[in-house]
């Protein structure tokens, strides 16, 4: 089930994001403590509440009512700020459903494209959704490499 996120989701959603980064993105952050700390520093319940409360953002949760399996957040500019699935729930179609909800919102806002910075690990997933490279890779938070991608709507 995909639904709009609310401030009451902050603790569970933040846990999904933090676990996804820590556990599923190891190849990207290489277990480098400084990189991981910088990546996770704003992934807090307080920050999540700010993101969800901002009318310029659209955030969805994938879950079953009792558990959160995934989180996606789109800015009105078309930038995807959060897109994470909980460990153990990848490759079950959850990411596709989250993206469908974000894309539907982008379309309702009249946006011409969505864009994001992908990790190396996630690039193939985004390419399968129609995203294309928009520039060279760059360093972020230390050893992490990110790749700018965009999808025309």
C-alpha atoms as a PDB file:
ATOM      1  CA  UNK A   1       0.000   0.000   0.000  1.00  0.00           C
ATOM      2  CA  UNK A   2       1.282   3.450  -0.926  1.00  0.00           C
ATOM      3  CA  UNK A   3      -0.030   6.479   0.940  1.00  0.00           C
ATOM      4  CA  UNK A   4       0.921  10.047   1.691  1.00  0.00           C
ATOM      5  CA  UNK A   5       3.328  10.351   4.583  1.00  0.00           C
ATOM      6  CA  UNK A   6       2.534  12.332   7.715  1.00  0.00           C
ATOM      7  CA  UNK A   7       4.548  13.542  10.699  1.00  0.00           C
ATOM      8  CA  UNK A   8       3.437  10.468  12.660  1.00  0.00           C
ATOM      9  CA  UNK A   9       5.505   8.357  10.229  1.00  0.00           C
ATOM     10  CA  UNK A  10       8.747  10.143  11.129  1.00  0.00           C
ATOM     11  CA  UNK A  11      10.324   7.507  13.379  1.00  0.00           C
ATOM     12  CA  UNK A  12       9.466   4.493  11.190  1.00  0.00           C
ATOM     13  CA  UNK A  13      10.280   6.249   7.915  1.00  0.00           C
ATOM     14  CA  UNK A  14      13.593   7.521   9.235  1.00  0.00           C
ATOM     15  CA  UNK A  15      14.494   4.025  10.404  1.00  0.00           C
ATOM     16  CA  UNK A  16      13.842   2.669   6.890  1.00  0.00           C
ATOM     17  CA  UNK A  17      16.000   5.381   5.337  1.00  0.00           C
ATOM     18  CA  UNK A  18      18.849   4.908   7.809  1.00  0.00           C
ATOM     19  CA  UNK A  19      18.819   1.106   7.548  1.00  0.00           C
ATOM     20  CA  UNK A  20      18.657   1.230   3.758  1.00  0.00           C
ATOM     21  CA  UNK A  21      21.676   3.528   3.615  1.00  0.00           C
ATOM     22  CA  UNK A  22      23.641   1.644   6.272  1.00  0.00           C
ATOM     23  CA  UNK A  23      22.864  -1.901   5.116  1.00  0.00           C
ATOM     24  CA  UNK A  24      21.931  -1.821   1.430  1.00  0.00           C
ATOM     25  CA  UNK A  25      24.310   0.913   0.270  1.00  0.00           C
ATOM     26  CA  UNK A  26      27.518  -0.561   1.721  1.00  0.00           C
ATOM     27  CA  UNK A  27      29.095  -0.864  -1.714  1.00  0.00           C
ATOM     28  CA  UNK A  28      28.492   2.869  -2.152  1.00  0.00           C
ATOM     29  CA  UNK A  29      29.720   4.164   1.231  1.00  0.00           C
ATOM     30  CA  UNK A  30      32.299   1.370   1.622  1.00  0.00           C
ATOM     31  CA  UNK A  31      31.657   1.271   5.385  1.00  0.00           C
ATOM     32  CA  UNK A  32      33.598   4.522   5.640  1.00  0.00           C
ATOM     33  CA  UNK A  33      32.481   5.976   8.997  1.00  0.00           C
ATOM     34  CA  UNK A  34      32.964   9.623   7.986  1.00  0.00           C
ATOM     35  CA  UNK A  35      30.996   9.178   4.744  1.00  0.00           C
ATOM     36  CA  UNK A  36      28.214   7.305   6.500  1.00  0.00           C
ATOM     37  CA  UNK A  37      27.994   9.904   9.274  1.00  0.00           C
ATOM     38  CA  UNK A  38      27.717  12.756   6.753  1.00  0.00           C
ATOM     39  CA  UNK A  39      25.091  10.874   4.705  1.00  0.00           C
ATOM     40  CA  UNK A  40      22.972  10.097   7.767  1.00  0.00           C
ATOM     41  CA  UNK A  41      23.316  13.403   9.628  1.00  0.00           C
ATOM     42  CA  UNK A  42      19.995  14.847   8.406  1.00  0.00           C
ATOM     43  CA  UNK A  43      18.111  11.530   8.330  1.00  0.00           C
ATOM     44  CA  UNK A  44      16.345  12.176  11.633  1.00  0.00           C
ATOM     45  CA  UNK A  45      12.702  12.121  12.706  1.00  0.00           C
ATOM     46  CA  UNK A  46      12.832  15.882  13.274  1.00  0.00           C
ATOM     47  CA  UNK A  47      14.114  16.544   9.755  1.00  0.00           C
ATOM     48  CA  UNK A  48      11.575  14.101   8.283  1.00  0.00           C
ATOM     49  CA  UNK A  49       8.782  16.036  10.001  1.00  0.00           C
ATOM     50  CA  UNK A  50      10.107  19.238   8.395  1.00  0.00           C
ATOM     51  CA  UNK A  51      10.181  17.610   4.952  1.00  0.00           C
ATOM     52  CA  UNK A  52       6.660  16.206   5.277  1.00  0.00           C
ATOM     53  CA  UNK A  53       5.259  19.482   6.623  1.00  0.00           C
ATOM     54  CA  UNK A  54       6.710  21.520   3.768  1.00  0.00           C
ATOM     55  CA  UNK A  55       3.980  22.157   1.144  1.00  0.00           C
ATOM     56  CA  UNK A  56       6.685  22.199  -1.548  1.00  0.00           C
ATOM     57  CA  UNK A  57       7.288  18.478  -0.889  1.00  0.00           C
ATOM     58  CA  UNK A  58       5.283  15.353  -1.614  1.00  0.00           C
ATOM     59  CA  UNK A  59       6.209  12.306   0.452  1.00  0.00           C
ATOM     60  CA  UNK A  60       4.846   8.774   0.281  1.00  0.00           C
ATOM     61  CA  UNK A  61       5.194   5.706   2.460  1.00  0.00           C
ATOM     62  CA  UNK A  62       4.981   2.097   1.346  1.00  0.00           C
ATOM     63  CA  UNK A  63       3.692  -0.149   4.093  1.00  0.00           C
ATOM     64  CA  UNK A  64       1.031  -2.479   5.374  1.00  0.00           C
ATOM     65  CA  UNK A  65      -0.405  -0.312   8.127  1.00  0.00           C
ATOM     66  CA  UNK A  66       1.847  -1.743  10.824  1.00  0.00           C
ATOM     67  CA  UNK A  67       5.227  -1.503   9.096  1.00  0.00           C
ATOM     68  CA  UNK A  68       6.919   0.910   6.707  1.00  0.00           C
ATOM     69  CA  UNK A  69       8.751  -0.743   3.801  1.00  0.00           C
ATOM     70  CA  UNK A  70       9.746   2.271   1.741  1.00  0.00           C
ATOM     71  CA  UNK A  71       9.859   6.063   1.520  1.00  0.00           C
ATOM     72  CA  UNK A  72       9.892   8.491  -1.387  1.00  0.00           C
ATOM     73  CA  UNK A  73       9.995  12.274  -1.360  1.00  0.00           C
ATOM     74  CA  UNK A  74       9.634  14.653  -4.312  1.00  0.00           C
ATOM     75  CA  UNK A  75      10.189  18.412  -4.257  1.00  0.00           C
ATOM     76  CA  UNK A  76       7.936  20.639  -6.351  1.00  0.00           C
ATOM     77  CA  UNK A  77      11.054  21.453  -8.404  1.00  0.00           C
ATOM     78  CA  UNK A  78      11.069  17.836  -9.625  1.00  0.00           C
ATOM     79  CA  UNK A  79      13.986  16.709  -7.478  1.00  0.00           C
ATOM     80  CA  UNK A  80      13.622  13.336  -5.793  1.00  0.00           C
ATOM     81  CA  UNK A  81      15.169  13.838  -2.356  1.00  0.00           C
ATOM     82  CA  UNK A  82      14.414  10.494  -0.726  1.00  0.00           C
ATOM     83  CA  UNK A  83      13.914   7.103  -2.328  1.00  0.00           C
ATOM     84  CA  UNK A  84      14.617   4.164  -0.043  1.00  0.00           C
ATOM     85  CA  UNK A  85      13.314   0.640   0.486  1.00  0.00           C
ATOM     86  CA  UNK A  86      13.852  -1.287   3.714  1.00  0.00           C
ATOM     87  CA  UNK A  87      16.341  -4.149   3.774  1.00  0.00           C
ATOM     88  CA  UNK A  88      14.562  -7.370   2.869  1.00  0.00           C
ATOM     89  CA  UNK A  89      11.927  -5.594   0.762  1.00  0.00           C
ATOM     90  CA  UNK A  90      13.934  -4.756  -2.349  1.00  0.00           C
ATOM     91  CA  UNK A  91      12.990  -6.327  -5.705  1.00  0.00           C
ATOM     92  CA  UNK A  92       9.347  -6.795  -4.692  1.00  0.00           C
ATOM     93  CA  UNK A  93       7.958  -3.933  -6.776  1.00  0.00           C
ATOM     94  CA  UNK A  94       7.828  -1.494  -3.847  1.00  0.00           C
ATOM     95  CA  UNK A  95      10.273   0.907  -5.483  1.00  0.00           C
ATOM     96  CA  UNK A  96       8.234   0.903  -8.694  1.00  0.00           C
ATOM     97  CA  UNK A  97       5.045   1.707  -6.765  1.00  0.00           C
ATOM     98  CA  UNK A  98       6.761   4.505  -4.845  1.00  0.00           C
ATOM     99  CA  UNK A  99       8.056   5.936  -8.108  1.00  0.00           C
ATOM    100  CA  UNK A 100       4.619   5.678  -9.741  1.00  0.00           C
ATOM    101  CA  UNK A 101       3.184   7.792  -6.906  1.00  0.00           C
ATOM    102  CA  UNK A 102       5.958  10.381  -7.169  1.00  0.00           C
ATOM    103  CA  UNK A 103       5.620  10.543 -10.949  1.00  0.00           C
ATOM    104  CA  UNK A 104       1.847  10.961 -10.707  1.00  0.00           C
ATOM    105  CA  UNK A 105       2.378  13.902  -8.348  1.00  0.00           C
ATOM    106  CA  UNK A 106       5.020  15.409 -10.635  1.00  0.00           C
ATOM    107  CA  UNK A 107       2.574  15.173 -13.520  1.00  0.00           C
ATOM    108  CA  UNK A 108      -0.212  16.758 -11.465  1.00  0.00           C
ATOM    109  CA  UNK A 109       2.165  19.635 -10.672  1.00  0.00           C
ATOM    110  CA  UNK A 110       2.775  20.029 -14.410  1.00  0.00           C
ATOM    111  CA  UNK A 111       6.459  19.189 -14.214  1.00  0.00           C
ATOM    112  CA  UNK A 112       8.366  18.311 -17.358  1.00  0.00           C
ATOM    113  CA  UNK A 113      10.932  16.154 -15.625  1.00  0.00           C
ATOM    114  CA  UNK A 114      12.056  14.484 -12.421  1.00  0.00           C
ATOM    115  CA  UNK A 115      15.706  14.420 -11.418  1.00  0.00           C
ATOM    116  CA  UNK A 116      17.937  12.979  -8.710  1.00  0.00           C
ATOM    117  CA  UNK A 117      21.428  11.940  -7.754  1.00  0.00           C
ATOM    118  CA  UNK A 118      21.770   8.173  -7.748  1.00  0.00           C
ATOM    119  CA  UNK A 119      24.309   5.974  -6.075  1.00  0.00           C
ATOM    120  CA  UNK A 120      26.183   3.532  -8.298  1.00  0.00           C
ATOM    121  CA  UNK A 121      24.158   0.680  -6.835  1.00  0.00           C
ATOM    122  CA  UNK A 122      20.809   2.280  -7.735  1.00  0.00           C
ATOM    123  CA  UNK A 123      21.664   3.535 -11.243  1.00  0.00           C
ATOM    124  CA  UNK A 124      20.311   0.475 -13.053  1.00  0.00           C
ATOM    125  CA  UNK A 125      17.017   0.702 -11.157  1.00  0.00           C
ATOM    126  CA  UNK A 126      16.545   4.332 -12.162  1.00  0.00           C
ATOM    127  CA  UNK A 127      17.536   3.618 -15.753  1.00  0.00           C
ATOM    128  CA  UNK A 128      14.849   0.905 -15.829  1.00  0.00           C
ATOM    129  CA  UNK A 129      12.355   3.663 -14.929  1.00  0.00           C
ATOM    130  CA  UNK A 130      13.488   5.824 -17.848  1.00  0.00           C
ATOM    131  CA  UNK A 131      16.089   8.045 -16.202  1.00  0.00           C
ATOM    132  CA  UNK A 132      19.117   9.131 -18.212  1.00  0.00           C
ATOM    133  CA  UNK A 133      22.451  10.615 -17.249  1.00  0.00           C
ATOM    134  CA  UNK A 134      22.615  14.409 -17.151  1.00  0.00           C
ATOM    135  CA  UNK A 135      26.261  14.877 -16.293  1.00  0.00           C
ATOM    136  CA  UNK A 136      29.405  13.418 -14.806  1.00  0.00           C
ATOM    137  CA  UNK A 137      29.557  11.596 -11.505  1.00  0.00           C
ATOM    138  CA  UNK A 138      30.759  13.504  -8.464  1.00  0.00           C
ATOM    139  CA  UNK A 139      31.869  12.837  -4.905  1.00  0.00           C
ATOM    140  CA  UNK A 140      29.447  13.346  -2.039  1.00  0.00           C
ATOM    141  CA  UNK A 141      29.947  12.960   1.716  1.00  0.00           C
ATOM    142  CA  UNK A 142      33.439  11.478   1.213  1.00  0.00           C
ATOM    143  CA  UNK A 143      33.923   8.229  -0.722  1.00  0.00           C
ATOM    144  CA  UNK A 144      30.332   8.145  -2.031  1.00  0.00           C
ATOM    145  CA  UNK A 145      29.982   8.712  -5.784  1.00  0.00           C
ATOM    146  CA  UNK A 146      26.670  10.035  -7.129  1.00  0.00           C
ATOM    147  CA  UNK A 147      25.354  10.194 -10.672  1.00  0.00           C
ATOM    148  CA  UNK A 148      22.932  12.917 -11.836  1.00  0.00           C
ATOM    149  CA  UNK A 149      19.940  11.423 -13.625  1.00  0.00           C
ATOM    150  CA  UNK A 150      16.698  12.837 -14.995  1.00  0.00           C
ATOM    151  CA  UNK A 151      13.507  11.521 -16.557  1.00  0.00           C
ATOM    152  CA  UNK A 152      11.357  13.466 -18.964  1.00  0.00           C
ATOM    153  CA  UNK A 153       7.647  13.313 -18.178  1.00  0.00           C
END
